[in-house]
Protein backbone atom coordinates (compact mmCIF):
# COMPACT_ATOMS: atom_id res chain seq x y z
CA UNK A 1 19.59 61.74 -82.28
CA UNK A 2 18.60 64.92 -80.31
CA UNK A 3 21.30 66.96 -78.76
CA UNK A 4 19.82 66.26 -75.27
CA UNK A 5 19.98 62.46 -75.86
CA UNK A 6 23.56 62.87 -76.96
CA UNK A 7 24.45 64.79 -73.88
CA UNK A 8 22.68 62.19 -71.67
CA UNK A 9 24.67 59.42 -73.62
CA UNK A 10 27.89 61.06 -72.97
CA UNK A 11 27.23 61.55 -69.34
CA UNK A 12 26.07 57.88 -68.87
CA UNK A 13 29.29 56.73 -70.58
CA UNK A 14 31.52 58.93 -68.65
CA UNK A 15 29.89 57.52 -65.47
CA UNK A 16 30.38 53.96 -66.85
CA UNK A 17 34.04 54.69 -67.81
CA UNK A 18 34.93 56.19 -64.37
CA UNK A 19 33.16 53.32 -62.50
CA UNK A 20 35.06 50.80 -64.66
CA UNK A 21 38.40 52.40 -63.92
CA UNK A 22 37.66 52.51 -60.17
CA UNK A 23 36.53 48.76 -60.44
CA UNK A 24 39.57 47.75 -62.37
CA UNK A 25 41.75 49.40 -59.78
CA UNK A 26 40.02 47.67 -56.91
CA UNK A 27 40.17 44.27 -58.71
CA UNK A 28 43.89 44.77 -59.31
CA UNK A 29 44.57 45.84 -55.65
CA UNK A 30 42.58 42.87 -54.22
CA UNK A 31 44.15 40.32 -56.62
CA UNK A 32 47.69 41.70 -55.98
CA UNK A 33 47.19 41.54 -52.27
CA UNK A 34 45.80 37.84 -52.62
CA UNK A 35 48.76 37.08 -54.90
CA UNK A 36 51.27 38.13 -52.30
CA UNK A 37 49.66 36.14 -49.61
CA UNK A 38 49.46 33.01 -51.87
CA UNK A 39 53.12 33.65 -52.83
CA UNK A 40 54.13 33.71 -49.10
CA UNK A 41 52.02 30.72 -47.90
CA UNK A 42 51.58 28.26 -50.92
CA UNK A 43 54.59 26.53 -52.33
CA UNK A 44 52.69 25.61 -55.51
CA UNK A 45 52.00 29.29 -56.20
CA UNK A 46 55.70 30.20 -55.76
CA UNK A 47 56.62 27.89 -58.49
CA UNK A 48 54.36 29.48 -61.11
CA UNK A 49 55.95 31.75 -63.54
CA UNK A 50 55.77 35.60 -63.10
CA UNK A 51 53.78 35.95 -66.40
CA UNK A 52 51.27 33.57 -65.23
CA UNK A 53 50.85 35.52 -61.86
CA UNK A 54 50.67 38.66 -63.70
CA UNK A 55 47.96 37.25 -65.89
CA UNK A 56 45.92 36.25 -62.94
CA UNK A 57 46.26 39.82 -61.44
CA UNK A 58 45.39 41.60 -64.68
CA UNK A 59 42.39 39.30 -65.37
CA UNK A 60 40.88 40.15 -61.97
CA UNK A 61 41.30 43.84 -62.70
CA UNK A 62 39.68 43.37 -66.15
CA UNK A 63 36.77 41.61 -64.61
CA UNK A 64 36.40 44.10 -61.85
CA UNK A 65 36.34 46.82 -64.40
CA UNK A 66 33.95 45.27 -66.68
CA UNK A 67 31.43 44.40 -63.81
CA UNK A 68 31.56 47.86 -62.26
CA UNK A 69 30.99 49.66 -65.64
CA UNK A 70 28.22 47.24 -66.55
CA UNK A 71 26.61 47.86 -63.21
CA UNK A 72 26.44 51.62 -63.96
CA UNK A 73 25.03 51.06 -67.24
CA UNK A 74 22.32 48.81 -66.01
CA UNK A 75 21.40 51.13 -63.22
CA UNK A 76 21.17 54.05 -65.68
CA UNK A 77 19.05 51.94 -67.96
CA UNK A 78 16.43 51.12 -65.26
CA UNK A 79 16.35 54.73 -64.23
CA UNK A 80 15.77 55.75 -67.79
CA UNK A 81 12.93 53.23 -68.08
CA UNK A 82 11.37 54.58 -64.83
CA UNK A 83 11.50 51.38 -62.82
CA UNK A 84 14.34 50.25 -60.48
CA UNK A 85 12.55 46.81 -60.28
CA UNK A 86 13.91 44.56 -63.06
CA UNK A 87 10.77 42.58 -63.33
CA UNK A 88 8.59 45.50 -63.92
CA UNK A 89 10.96 46.81 -66.46
CA UNK A 90 11.11 43.48 -68.22
CA UNK A 91 7.31 43.38 -68.08
CA UNK A 92 6.75 46.69 -69.48
CA UNK A 93 9.22 45.64 -72.28
CA UNK A 94 7.31 42.44 -72.93
CA UNK A 95 3.95 44.21 -73.19
CA UNK A 96 5.36 46.74 -75.56
CA UNK A 97 6.74 44.15 -78.00
CA UNK A 98 3.59 41.86 -77.50
CA UNK A 99 1.45 44.74 -78.68
CA UNK A 100 3.78 45.48 -81.61
CA UNK A 101 4.04 41.93 -82.81
CA UNK A 102 0.48 40.84 -82.10
CA UNK A 103 -1.14 39.31 -85.28
CA UNK A 104 -3.94 41.31 -86.95
CA UNK A 105 -7.08 39.28 -86.17
CA UNK A 106 -9.56 41.62 -87.63
CA UNK A 107 -11.15 40.46 -90.88
């Protein structure tokens, strides 16, 4: 791997980590607010145990972090391919592998 590729990879991973952290914080904040509202307005939610409520909040934070981090990676991947349109990127990928795996019909 070239040094430039390693630097690009580190940059993309750092962007992904930062977005993941922000997404996790947003997910926890939103689910914590929803948990407080549910606790005050829904009797069935009040009867749930604290560890289960904590699991709901942390799960939402984990999901938010994964989605935000993956979104950055997909965006960077599309920019690296040169097409922001996923159909065009997939079509270019299919053409590339179709040419590589085409059977040799010359005799």
